Amino acid sequence: MSVLTVCTTCNDGQGQRLLEAVENEALARDLPLAIRGQACLAACKQSCTAALQGAGKHSYLFGQLAPDEVSVNALLDVATQHAEPGDGLLAWSRRPACLKTGLLARLPPL
C-alpha cells in the first residue's frame, strides 16, 4: 500500500489547500489511495511539498508544488503508479514534468 502525504503547513496555508484539492480530486475519480496531511515535511524552502511512501517501496519527496490542477493531477498520477505492484520505482518517462523538476529526494526501500 502506498501513502501520499502532503505538508499542511507549507507556504502560509497553500499546503493545506493542496491537500484538500488532492483529496477532493481523488474522491471525484473514485481512486482508492491513502492520502494524509502532515504538519511540516522539513523542506520549507521548496514548498509546497508532498511525499510518497510504501512498505518495500522507494520513497519520494517532491517540492515546488502549487495547489493547482497541474500539481494535483501529477500527484495523483504518481501515487497511482507507486501503488502498483513492485518496488515503487517511478519511471522517469512516466513522471509528470512538474515532478521531474520538483524531485527533492528518492530513498531506496528498506
PDB file of N, CA and C in Angstrom:
ATOM      1  N   MET A   1       0.844  -1.186   0.000  1.00  0.00           N
ATOM      2  CA  MET A   1       0.000   0.000   0.000  1.00  0.00           C
ATOM      3  C   MET A   1       0.884   1.244   0.000  1.00  0.00           C
ATOM      4  N   SER A   2       0.510   2.196  -0.797  1.00  0.00           N
ATOM      5  CA  SER A   2       1.228   3.463  -0.873  1.00  0.00           C
ATOM      6  C   SER A   2       0.440   4.543  -0.150  1.00  0.00           C
ATOM      7  N   VAL A   3       1.175   5.497   0.408  1.00  0.00           N
ATOM      8  CA  VAL A   3       0.558   6.627   1.103  1.00  0.00           C
ATOM      9  C   VAL A   3       1.122   7.911   0.508  1.00  0.00           C
ATOM     10  N   LEU A   4       0.228   8.821   0.141  1.00  0.00           N
ATOM     11  CA  LEU A   4       0.606  10.149  -0.318  1.00  0.00           C
ATOM     12  C   LEU A   4       0.415  11.102   0.851  1.00  0.00           C
ATOM     13  N   THR A   5       1.489  11.748   1.264  1.00  0.00           N
ATOM     14  CA  THR A   5       1.447  12.682   2.384  1.00  0.00           C
ATOM     15  C   THR A   5       1.738  14.076   1.869  1.00  0.00           C
ATOM     16  N   VAL A   6       0.859  15.015   2.199  1.00  0.00           N
ATOM     17  CA  VAL A   6       1.011  16.405   1.762  1.00  0.00           C
ATOM     18  C   VAL A   6       1.275  17.269   2.989  1.00  0.00           C
ATOM     19  N   CYS A   7       2.297  18.111   2.911  1.00  0.00           N
ATOM     20  CA  CYS A   7       2.613  19.021   4.015  1.00  0.00           C
ATOM     21  C   CYS A   7       1.491  20.055   4.139  1.00  0.00           C
ATOM     22  N   THR A   8       0.917  20.140   5.317  1.00  0.00           N
ATOM     23  CA  THR A   8      -0.208  21.062   5.529  1.00  0.00           C
ATOM     24  C   THR A   8       0.235  22.454   5.957  1.00  0.00           C
ATOM     25  N   THR A   9       1.487  22.609   6.337  1.00  0.00           N
ATOM     26  CA  THR A   9       1.947  23.904   6.841  1.00  0.00           C
ATOM     27  C   THR A   9       2.782  24.677   5.824  1.00  0.00           C
ATOM     28  N   CYS A  10       2.918  24.152   4.634  1.00  0.00           N
ATOM     29  CA  CYS A  10       3.699  24.821   3.595  1.00  0.00           C
ATOM     30  C   CYS A  10       3.076  26.147   3.178  1.00  0.00           C
ATOM     31  N   ASN A  11       3.927  27.127   3.052  1.00  0.00           N
ATOM     32  CA  ASN A  11       3.617  28.364   2.351  1.00  0.00           C
ATOM     33  C   ASN A  11       2.304  29.030   2.784  1.00  0.00           C
ATOM     34  N   ASP A  12       2.186  29.273   4.082  1.00  0.00           N
ATOM     35  CA  ASP A  12       1.045  30.023   4.628  1.00  0.00           C
ATOM     36  C   ASP A  12      -0.314  29.517   4.163  1.00  0.00           C
ATOM     37  N   GLY A  13      -0.564  28.240   4.341  1.00  0.00           N
ATOM     38  CA  GLY A  13      -1.865  27.679   4.015  1.00  0.00           C
ATOM     39  C   GLY A  13      -1.970  27.052   2.645  1.00  0.00           C
ATOM     40  N   GLN A  14      -0.979  27.263   1.773  1.00  0.00           N
ATOM     41  CA  GLN A  14      -1.019  26.666   0.438  1.00  0.00           C
ATOM     42  C   GLN A  14      -0.956  25.135   0.516  1.00  0.00           C
ATOM     43  N   GLY A  15      -0.214  24.613   1.474  1.00  0.00           N
ATOM     44  CA  GLY A  15      -0.113  23.165   1.635  1.00  0.00           C
ATOM     45  C   GLY A  15      -1.447  22.540   2.007  1.00  0.00           C
ATOM     46  N   GLN A  16      -2.170  23.181   2.910  1.00  0.00           N
ATOM     47  CA  GLN A  16      -3.488  22.680   3.291  1.00  0.00           C
ATOM     48  C   GLN A  16      -4.429  22.715   2.090  1.00  0.00           C
ATOM     49  N   ARG A  17      -4.341  23.747   1.291  1.00  0.00           N
ATOM     50  CA  ARG A  17      -5.182  23.837   0.089  1.00  0.00           C
ATOM     51  C   ARG A  17      -4.818  22.749  -0.924  1.00  0.00           C
ATOM     52  N   LEU A  18      -3.520  22.463  -1.033  1.00  0.00           N
ATOM     53  CA  LEU A  18      -3.090  21.382  -1.919  1.00  0.00           C
ATOM     54  C   LEU A  18      -3.654  20.053  -1.429  1.00  0.00           C
ATOM     55  N   LEU A  19      -3.545  19.794  -0.137  1.00  0.00           N
ATOM     56  CA  LEU A  19      -4.084  18.551   0.423  1.00  0.00           C
ATOM     57  C   LEU A  19      -5.574  18.418   0.113  1.00  0.00           C
ATOM     58  N   GLU A  20      -6.333  19.463   0.367  1.00  0.00           N
ATOM     59  CA  GLU A  20      -7.774  19.418   0.128  1.00  0.00           C
ATOM     60  C   GLU A  20      -8.096  19.204  -1.342  1.00  0.00           C
ATOM     61  N   ALA A  21      -7.342  19.828  -2.225  1.00  0.00           N
ATOM     62  CA  ALA A  21      -7.564  19.656  -3.664  1.00  0.00           C
ATOM     63  C   ALA A  21      -7.255  18.221  -4.092  1.00  0.00           C
ATOM     64  N   VAL A  22      -6.180  17.656  -3.557  1.00  0.00           N
ATOM     65  CA  VAL A  22      -5.820  16.266  -3.873  1.00  0.00           C
ATOM     66  C   VAL A  22      -6.899  15.320  -3.356  1.00  0.00           C
ATOM     67  N   GLU A  23      -7.339  15.516  -2.127  1.00  0.00           N
ATOM     68  CA  GLU A  23      -8.387  14.664  -1.565  1.00  0.00           C
ATOM     69  C   GLU A  23      -9.672  14.754  -2.377  1.00  0.00           C
ATOM     70  N   ASN A  24     -10.080  15.957  -2.735  1.00  0.00           N
ATOM     71  CA  ASN A  24     -11.312  16.143  -3.498  1.00  0.00           C
ATOM     72  C   ASN A  24     -11.230  15.491  -4.876  1.00  0.00           C
ATOM     73  N   GLU A  25     -10.102  15.648  -5.545  1.00  0.00           N
ATOM     74  CA  GLU A  25      -9.951  15.056  -6.876  1.00  0.00           C
ATOM     75  C   GLU A  25      -9.882  13.532  -6.791  1.00  0.00           C
ATOM     76  N   ALA A  26      -9.227  12.999  -5.766  1.00  0.00           N
ATOM     77  CA  ALA A  26      -9.180  11.543  -5.588  1.00  0.00           C
ATOM     78  C   ALA A  26     -10.583  10.984  -5.372  1.00  0.00           C
ATOM     79  N   LEU A  27     -11.398  11.695  -4.592  1.00  0.00           N
ATOM     80  CA  LEU A  27     -12.791  11.281  -4.388  1.00  0.00           C
ATOM     81  C   LEU A  27     -13.582  11.364  -5.696  1.00  0.00           C
ATOM     82  N   ALA A  28     -13.393  12.440  -6.440  1.00  0.00           N
ATOM     83  CA  ALA A  28     -14.110  12.615  -7.706  1.00  0.00           C
ATOM     84  C   ALA A  28     -13.756  11.509  -8.695  1.00  0.00           C
ATOM     85  N   ARG A  29     -12.515  11.051  -8.670  1.00  0.00           N
ATOM     86  CA  ARG A  29     -12.069   9.985  -9.571  1.00  0.00           C
ATOM     87  C   ARG A  29     -12.316   8.596  -8.986  1.00  0.00           C
ATOM     88  N   ASP A  30     -12.778   8.538  -7.742  1.00  0.00           N
ATOM     89  CA  ASP A  30     -13.005   7.276  -7.035  1.00  0.00           C
ATOM     90  C   ASP A  30     -11.720   6.450  -6.956  1.00  0.00           C
ATOM     91  N   LEU A  31     -10.608   7.135  -6.637  1.00  0.00           N
ATOM     92  CA  LEU A  31      -9.315   6.462  -6.516  1.00  0.00           C
ATOM     93  C   LEU A  31      -9.135   5.915  -5.103  1.00  0.00           C
ATOM     94  N   PRO A  32      -8.783   4.668  -4.980  1.00  0.00           N
ATOM     95  CA  PRO A  32      -8.574   4.079  -3.655  1.00  0.00           C
ATOM     96  C   PRO A  32      -7.157   4.334  -3.136  1.00  0.00           C
ATOM     97  N   LEU A  33      -6.822   5.587  -2.908  1.00  0.00           N
ATOM     98  CA  LEU A  33      -5.484   5.956  -2.448  1.00  0.00           C
ATOM     99  C   LEU A  33      -5.525   6.416  -1.003  1.00  0.00           C
ATOM    100  N   ALA A  34      -4.481   6.085  -0.268  1.00  0.00           N
ATOM    101  CA  ALA A  34      -4.329   6.606   1.086  1.00  0.00           C
ATOM    102  C   ALA A  34      -3.669   7.981   0.979  1.00  0.00           C
ATOM    103  N   ILE A  35      -4.365   8.995   1.459  1.00  0.00           N
ATOM    104  CA  ILE A  35      -3.875  10.374   1.402  1.00  0.00           C
ATOM    105  C   ILE A  35      -3.981  10.952   2.801  1.00  0.00           C
ATOM    106  N   ARG A  36      -2.919  11.620   3.238  1.00  0.00           N
ATOM    107  CA  ARG A  36      -2.957  12.224   4.574  1.00  0.00           C
ATOM    108  C   ARG A  36      -2.183  13.533   4.571  1.00  0.00           C
ATOM    109  N   GLY A  37      -2.491  14.354   5.554  1.00  0.00           N
ATOM    110  CA  GLY A  37      -1.769  15.589   5.757  1.00  0.00           C
ATOM    111  C   GLY A  37      -0.788  15.420   6.903  1.00  0.00           C
ATOM    112  N   GLN A  38       0.291  16.174   6.846  1.00  0.00           N
ATOM    113  CA  GLN A  38       1.306  16.145   7.893  1.00  0.00           C
ATOM    114  C   GLN A  38       1.865  17.546   8.059  1.00  0.00           C
ATOM    115  N   ALA A  39       1.896  18.014   9.287  1.00  0.00           N
ATOM    116  CA  ALA A  39       2.492  19.319   9.556  1.00  0.00           C
ATOM    117  C   ALA A  39       3.999  19.214   9.374  1.00  0.00           C
ATOM    118  N   CYS A  40       4.522  19.935   8.431  1.00  0.00           N
ATOM    119  CA  CYS A  40       5.941  20.126   8.139  1.00  0.00           C
ATOM    120  C   CYS A  40       6.679  18.855   7.721  1.00  0.00           C
ATOM    121  N   LEU A  41       7.049  18.838   6.451  1.00  0.00           N
ATOM    122  CA  LEU A  41       7.908  17.784   5.920  1.00  0.00           C
ATOM    123  C   LEU A  41       9.365  18.257   5.855  1.00  0.00           C
ATOM    124  N   ALA A  42       9.651  19.399   6.457  1.00  0.00           N
ATOM    125  CA  ALA A  42      11.005  19.926   6.624  1.00  0.00           C
ATOM    126  C   ALA A  42      11.718  20.235   5.301  1.00  0.00           C
ATOM    127  N   ALA A  43      10.961  20.697   4.328  1.00  0.00           N
ATOM    128  CA  ALA A  43      11.552  21.150   3.070  1.00  0.00           C
ATOM    129  C   ALA A  43      10.960  22.516   2.731  1.00  0.00           C
ATOM    130  N   CYS A  44      10.927  23.367   3.726  1.00  0.00           N
ATOM    131  CA  CYS A  44      10.205  24.643   3.646  1.00  0.00           C
ATOM    132  C   CYS A  44      10.646  25.531   2.479  1.00  0.00           C
ATOM    133  N   LYS A  45      11.903  25.509   2.130  1.00  0.00           N
ATOM    134  CA  LYS A  45      12.379  26.353   1.029  1.00  0.00           C
ATOM    135  C   LYS A  45      11.943  25.817  -0.332  1.00  0.00           C
ATOM    136  N   GLN A  46      11.361  24.627  -0.352  1.00  0.00           N
ATOM    137  CA  GLN A  46      10.906  24.008  -1.596  1.00  0.00           C
ATOM    138  C   GLN A  46       9.388  23.846  -1.637  1.00  0.00           C
ATOM    139  N   SER A  47       8.680  24.584  -0.798  1.00  0.00           N
ATOM    140  CA  SER A  47       7.239  24.364  -0.646  1.00  0.00           C
ATOM    141  C   SER A  47       6.487  24.753  -1.907  1.00  0.00           C
ATOM    142  N   CYS A  48       5.373  24.090  -2.028  1.00  0.00           N
ATOM    143  CA  CYS A  48       4.698  23.075  -1.229  1.00  0.00           C
ATOM    144  C   CYS A  48       5.319  21.705  -1.511  1.00  0.00           C
ATOM    145  N   THR A  49       5.216  20.811  -0.509  1.00  0.00           N
ATOM    146  CA  THR A  49       5.857  19.513  -0.621  1.00  0.00           C
ATOM    147  C   THR A  49       4.869  18.377  -0.384  1.00  0.00           C
ATOM    148  N   ALA A  50       5.223  17.218  -0.941  1.00  0.00           N
ATOM    149  CA  ALA A  50       4.440  16.001  -0.758  1.00  0.00           C
ATOM    150  C   ALA A  50       5.388  14.815  -0.832  1.00  0.00           C
ATOM    151  N   ALA A  51       5.014  13.737  -0.148  1.00  0.00           N
ATOM    152  CA  ALA A  51       5.846  12.535  -0.113  1.00  0.00           C
ATOM    153  C   ALA A  51       5.019  11.319  -0.499  1.00  0.00           C
ATOM    154  N   LEU A  52       5.704  10.341  -1.081  1.00  0.00           N
ATOM    155  CA  LEU A  52       5.113   9.037  -1.379  1.00  0.00           C
ATOM    156  C   LEU A  52       5.924   7.989  -0.640  1.00  0.00           C
ATOM    157  N   GLN A  53       5.227   7.100   0.077  1.00  0.00           N
ATOM    158  CA  GLN A  53       5.898   6.043   0.829  1.00  0.00           C
ATOM    159  C   GLN A  53       5.080   4.770   0.737  1.00  0.00           C
ATOM    160  N   GLY A  54       5.727   3.653   0.922  1.00  0.00           N
ATOM    161  CA  GLY A  54       5.050   2.368   0.995  1.00  0.00           C
ATOM    162  C   GLY A  54       6.030   1.316   1.462  1.00  0.00           C
ATOM    163  N   ALA A  55       5.527   0.340   2.173  1.00  0.00           N
ATOM    164  CA  ALA A  55       6.375  -0.750   2.673  1.00  0.00           C
ATOM    165  C   ALA A  55       7.026  -1.471   1.494  1.00  0.00           C
ATOM    166  N   GLY A  56       8.350  -1.596   1.544  1.00  0.00           N
ATOM    167  CA  GLY A  56       9.096  -2.271   0.491  1.00  0.00           C
ATOM    168  C   GLY A  56       9.191  -1.489  -0.804  1.00  0.00           C
ATOM    169  N   LYS A  57       8.878  -0.199  -0.758  1.00  0.00           N
ATOM    170  CA  LYS A  57       8.884   0.638  -1.956  1.00  0.00           C
ATOM    171  C   LYS A  57       9.845   1.819  -1.796  1.00  0.00           C
ATOM    172  N   HIS A  58      10.308   2.348  -2.928  1.00  0.00           N
ATOM    173  CA  HIS A  58      11.070   3.588  -2.899  1.00  0.00           C
ATOM    174  C   HIS A  58      10.182   4.687  -2.324  1.00  0.00           C
ATOM    175  N   SER A  59      10.787   5.596  -1.587  1.00  0.00           N
ATOM    176  CA  SER A  59      10.076   6.766  -1.056  1.00  0.00           C
ATOM    177  C   SER A  59      10.526   7.990  -1.832  1.00  0.00           C
ATOM    178  N   TYR A  60       9.605   8.930  -2.013  1.00  0.00           N
ATOM    179  CA  TYR A  60       9.874  10.138  -2.776  1.00  0.00           C
ATOM    180  C   TYR A  60       9.437  11.361  -1.992  1.00  0.00           C
ATOM    181  N   LEU A  61      10.180  12.446  -2.169  1.00  0.00           N
ATOM    182  CA  LEU A  61       9.788  13.748  -1.642  1.00  0.00           C
ATOM    183  C   LEU A  61       9.815  14.726  -2.814  1.00  0.00           C
ATOM    184  N   PHE A  62       8.658  15.333  -3.063  1.00  0.00           N
ATOM    185  CA  PHE A  62       8.515  16.293  -4.147  1.00  0.00           C
ATOM    186  C   PHE A  62       8.286  17.680  -3.585  1.00  0.00           C
ATOM    187  N   GLY A  63       8.819  18.686  -4.265  1.00  0.00           N
ATOM    188  CA  GLY A  63       8.634  20.069  -3.840  1.00  0.00           C
ATOM    189  C   GLY A  63       8.256  20.958  -5.009  1.00  0.00           C
ATOM    190  N   GLN A  64       8.134  22.242  -4.701  1.00  0.00           N
ATOM    191  CA  GLN A  64       7.796  23.268  -5.688  1.00  0.00           C
ATOM    192  C   GLN A  64       6.428  23.002  -6.319  1.00  0.00           C
ATOM    193  N   LEU A  65       5.492  22.547  -5.475  1.00  0.00           N
ATOM    194  CA  LEU A  65       4.131  22.253  -5.920  1.00  0.00           C
ATOM    195  C   LEU A  65       3.216  23.422  -5.588  1.00  0.00           C
ATOM    196  N   ALA A  66       2.131  23.522  -6.314  1.00  0.00           N
ATOM    197  CA  ALA A  66       1.131  24.557  -6.067  1.00  0.00           C
ATOM    198  C   ALA A  66      -0.223  23.877  -5.895  1.00  0.00           C
ATOM    199  N   PRO A  67      -1.144  24.511  -5.203  1.00  0.00           N
ATOM    200  CA  PRO A  67      -2.476  23.921  -5.067  1.00  0.00           C
ATOM    201  C   PRO A  67      -3.307  24.159  -6.332  1.00  0.00           C
ATOM    202  N   ASP A  68      -2.799  23.649  -7.450  1.00  0.00           N
ATOM    203  CA  ASP A  68      -3.471  23.839  -8.732  1.00  0.00           C
ATOM    204  C   ASP A  68      -3.700  22.498  -9.415  1.00  0.00           C
ATOM    205  N   GLU A  69      -4.403  22.550 -10.528  1.00  0.00           N
ATOM    206  CA  GLU A  69      -4.777  21.338 -11.246  1.00  0.00           C
ATOM    207  C   GLU A  69      -3.560  20.549 -11.721  1.00  0.00           C
ATOM    208  N   VAL A  70      -2.516  21.227 -12.147  1.00  0.00           N
ATOM    209  CA  VAL A  70      -1.313  20.553 -12.645  1.00  0.00           C
ATOM    210  C   VAL A  70      -0.687  19.703 -11.537  1.00  0.00           C
ATOM    211  N   SER A  71      -0.470  20.296 -10.375  1.00  0.00           N
ATOM    212  CA  SER A  71       0.153  19.565  -9.267  1.00  0.00           C
ATOM    213  C   SER A  71      -0.753  18.456  -8.745  1.00  0.00           C
ATOM    214  N   VAL A  72      -2.039  18.745  -8.635  1.00  0.00           N
ATOM    215  CA  VAL A  72      -2.986  17.736  -8.148  1.00  0.00           C
ATOM    216  C   VAL A  72      -2.985  16.521  -9.065  1.00  0.00           C
ATOM    217  N   ASN A  73      -3.116  16.750 -10.363  1.00  0.00           N
ATOM    218  CA  ASN A  73      -3.120  15.635 -11.316  1.00  0.00           C
ATOM    219  C   ASN A  73      -1.803  14.876 -11.294  1.00  0.00           C
ATOM    220  N   ALA A  74      -0.696  15.590 -11.196  1.00  0.00           N
ATOM    221  CA  ALA A  74       0.618  14.955 -11.160  1.00  0.00           C
ATOM    222  C   ALA A  74       0.757  14.061  -9.928  1.00  0.00           C
ATOM    223  N   LEU A  75       0.371  14.573  -8.773  1.00  0.00           N
ATOM    224  CA  LEU A  75       0.479  13.775  -7.544  1.00  0.00           C
ATOM    225  C   LEU A  75      -0.405  12.537  -7.595  1.00  0.00           C
ATOM    226  N   LEU A  76      -1.608  12.682  -8.093  1.00  0.00           N
ATOM    227  CA  LEU A  76      -2.494  11.519  -8.181  1.00  0.00           C
ATOM    228  C   LEU A  76      -1.980  10.508  -9.200  1.00  0.00           C
ATOM    229  N   ASP A  77      -1.409  10.977 -10.289  1.00  0.00           N
ATOM    230  CA  ASP A  77      -0.841  10.069 -11.292  1.00  0.00           C
ATOM    231  C   ASP A  77       0.304   9.246 -10.707  1.00  0.00           C
ATOM    232  N   VAL A  78       1.243   9.909 -10.038  1.00  0.00           N
ATOM    233  CA  VAL A  78       2.384   9.146  -9.499  1.00  0.00           C
ATOM    234  C   VAL A  78       1.975   8.298  -8.298  1.00  0.00           C
ATOM    235  N   ALA A  79       1.004   8.743  -7.520  1.00  0.00           N
ATOM    236  CA  ALA A  79       0.533   7.927  -6.395  1.00  0.00           C
ATOM    237  C   ALA A  79      -0.101   6.641  -6.913  1.00  0.00           C
ATOM    238  N   THR A  80      -0.821   6.743  -8.009  1.00  0.00           N
ATOM    239  CA  THR A  80      -1.413   5.552  -8.619  1.00  0.00           C
ATOM    240  C   THR A  80      -0.327   4.624  -9.149  1.00  0.00           C
ATOM    241  N   GLN A  81       0.694   5.183  -9.781  1.00  0.00           N
ATOM    242  CA  GLN A  81       1.823   4.378 -10.262  1.00  0.00           C
ATOM    243  C   GLN A  81       2.552   3.709  -9.098  1.00  0.00           C
ATOM    244  N   HIS A  82       2.782   4.470  -8.042  1.00  0.00           N
ATOM    245  CA  HIS A  82       3.512   3.972  -6.873  1.00  0.00           C
ATOM    246  C   HIS A  82       2.772   2.811  -6.215  1.00  0.00           C
ATOM    247  N   ALA A  83       1.447   2.832  -6.279  1.00  0.00           N
ATOM    248  CA  ALA A  83       0.627   1.795  -5.650  1.00  0.00           C
ATOM    249  C   ALA A  83       0.611   0.485  -6.448  1.00  0.00           C
ATOM    250  N   GLU A  84       1.085   0.527  -7.680  1.00  0.00           N
ATOM    251  CA  GLU A  84       1.135  -0.689  -8.494  1.00  0.00           C
ATOM    252  C   GLU A  84       2.086  -1.693  -7.842  1.00  0.00           C
ATOM    253  N   PRO A  85       1.889  -2.986  -8.115  1.00  0.00           N
ATOM    254  CA  PRO A  85       2.812  -3.990  -7.557  1.00  0.00           C
ATOM    255  C   PRO A  85       4.252  -3.691  -7.959  1.00  0.00           C
ATOM    256  N   GLY A  86       5.158  -3.941  -7.064  1.00  0.00           N
ATOM    257  CA  GLY A  86       6.576  -3.728  -7.339  1.00  0.00           C
ATOM    258  C   GLY A  86       7.228  -2.877  -6.268  1.00  0.00           C
ATOM    259  N   ASP A  87       8.402  -2.359  -6.601  1.00  0.00           N
ATOM    260  CA  ASP A  87       9.216  -1.638  -5.619  1.00  0.00           C
ATOM    261  C   ASP A  87       8.938  -0.141  -5.557  1.00  0.00           C
ATOM    262  N   GLY A  88       7.946   0.323  -6.298  1.00  0.00           N
ATOM    263  CA  GLY A  88       7.577   1.735  -6.240  1.00  0.00           C
ATOM    264  C   GLY A  88       8.477   2.662  -7.017  1.00  0.00           C
ATOM    265  N   LEU A  89       9.411   2.123  -7.772  1.00  0.00           N
ATOM    266  CA  LEU A  89      10.303   2.972  -8.566  1.00  0.00           C
ATOM    267  C   LEU A  89       9.494   3.621  -9.678  1.00  0.00           C
ATOM    268  N   LEU A  90       9.482   4.943  -9.685  1.00  0.00           N
ATOM    269  CA  LEU A  90       8.710   5.708 -10.665  1.00  0.00           C
ATOM    270  C   LEU A  90       9.572   5.984 -11.885  1.00  0.00           C
ATOM    271  N   ALA A  91       9.180   5.404 -13.003  1.00  0.00           N
ATOM    272  CA  ALA A  91       9.942   5.593 -14.235  1.00  0.00           C
ATOM    273  C   ALA A  91       9.958   7.067 -14.619  1.00  0.00           C
ATOM    274  N   TRP A  92      11.115   7.561 -14.989  1.00  0.00           N
ATOM    275  CA  TRP A  92      11.274   8.959 -15.390  1.00  0.00           C
ATOM    276  C   TRP A  92      10.309   9.306 -16.525  1.00  0.00           C
ATOM    277  N   SER A  93      10.165   8.408 -17.470  1.00  0.00           N
ATOM    278  CA  SER A  93       9.323   8.673 -18.647  1.00  0.00           C
ATOM    279  C   SER A  93       7.835   8.760 -18.304  1.00  0.00           C
ATOM    280  N   ARG A  94       7.413   8.166 -17.196  1.00  0.00           N
ATOM    281  CA  ARG A  94       6.000   8.194 -16.800  1.00  0.00           C
ATOM    282  C   ARG A  94       5.699   9.306 -15.801  1.00  0.00           C
ATOM    283  N   ARG A  95       6.746   9.976 -15.325  1.00  0.00           N
ATOM    284  CA  ARG A  95       6.555  11.005 -14.303  1.00  0.00           C
ATOM    285  C   ARG A  95       6.155  12.330 -14.948  1.00  0.00           C
ATOM    286  N   PRO A  96       5.105  12.996 -14.428  1.00  0.00           N
ATOM    287  CA  PRO A  96       4.726  14.312 -14.948  1.00  0.00           C
ATOM    288  C   PRO A  96       5.889  15.315 -14.813  1.00  0.00           C
ATOM    289  N   ALA A  97       5.943  16.268 -15.725  1.00  0.00           N
ATOM    290  CA  ALA A  97       7.057  17.216 -15.784  1.00  0.00           C
ATOM    291  C   ALA A  97       7.320  17.925 -14.462  1.00  0.00           C
ATOM    292  N   CYS A  98       6.275  18.370 -13.777  1.00  0.00           N
ATOM    293  CA  CYS A  98       6.497  19.111 -12.535  1.00  0.00           C
ATOM    294  C   CYS A  98       7.077  18.232 -11.433  1.00  0.00           C
ATOM    295  N   LEU A  99       6.968  16.908 -11.584  1.00  0.00           N
ATOM    296  CA  LEU A  99       7.555  16.015 -10.582  1.00  0.00           C
ATOM    297  C   LEU A  99       8.917  15.495 -11.013  1.00  0.00           C
ATOM    298  N   LYS A 100       9.342  15.875 -12.212  1.00  0.00           N
ATOM    299  CA  LYS A 100      10.723  15.616 -12.627  1.00  0.00           C
ATOM    300  C   LYS A 100      11.611  16.729 -12.079  1.00  0.00           C
ATOM    301  N   THR A 101      11.185  17.977 -12.261  1.00  0.00           N
ATOM    302  CA  THR A 101      11.978  19.115 -11.804  1.00  0.00           C
ATOM    303  C   THR A 101      11.840  19.335 -10.307  1.00  0.00           C
ATOM    304  N   GLY A 102      10.724  18.891  -9.725  1.00  0.00           N
ATOM    305  CA  GLY A 102      10.482  19.128  -8.305  1.00  0.00           C
ATOM    306  C   GLY A 102      10.870  17.984  -7.397  1.00  0.00           C
ATOM    307  N   LEU A 103      11.582  17.002  -7.913  1.00  0.00           N
ATOM    308  CA  LEU A 103      12.013  15.872  -7.091  1.00  0.00           C
ATOM    309  C   LEU A 103      13.113  16.317  -6.124  1.00  0.00           C
ATOM    310  N   LEU A 104      12.857  16.189  -4.832  1.00  0.00           N
ATOM    311  CA  LEU A 104      13.838  16.579  -3.816  1.00  0.00           C
ATOM    312  C   LEU A 104      14.631  15.388  -3.301  1.00  0.00           C
ATOM    313  N   ALA A 105      13.989  14.214  -3.231  1.00  0.00           N
ATOM    314  CA  ALA A 105      14.688  13.028  -2.744  1.00  0.00           C
ATOM    315  C   ALA A 105      13.978  11.759  -3.192  1.00  0.00           C
ATOM    316  N   ARG A 106      14.771  10.721  -3.436  1.00  0.00           N
ATOM    317  CA  ARG A 106      14.273   9.358  -3.646  1.00  0.00           C
ATOM    318  C   ARG A 106      15.094   8.473  -2.727  1.00  0.00           C
ATOM    319  N   LEU A 107      14.421   7.756  -1.886  1.00  0.00           N
ATOM    320  CA  LEU A 107      15.087   6.870  -0.937  1.00  0.00           C
ATOM    321  C   LEU A 107      14.778   5.431  -1.278  1.00  0.00           C
ATOM    322  N   PRO A 108      15.759   4.532  -1.178  1.00  0.00           N
ATOM    323  CA  PRO A 108      15.517   3.133  -1.526  1.00  0.00           C
ATOM    324  C   PRO A 108      14.629   2.455  -0.488  1.00  0.00           C
ATOM    325  N   PRO A 109      13.989   1.368  -0.896  1.00  0.00           N
ATOM    326  CA  PRO A 109      13.173   0.619   0.064  1.00  0.00           C
ATOM    327  C   PRO A 109      14.038   0.080   1.194  1.00  0.00           C
ATOM    328  N   LEU A 110      13.431  -0.108   2.344  1.00  0.00           N
ATOM    329  CA  LEU A 110      14.146  -0.730   3.465  1.00  0.00           C
ATOM    330  C   LEU A 110      14.193  -2.222   3.269  1.00  0.00           C
TER     331      LEU A 110
END
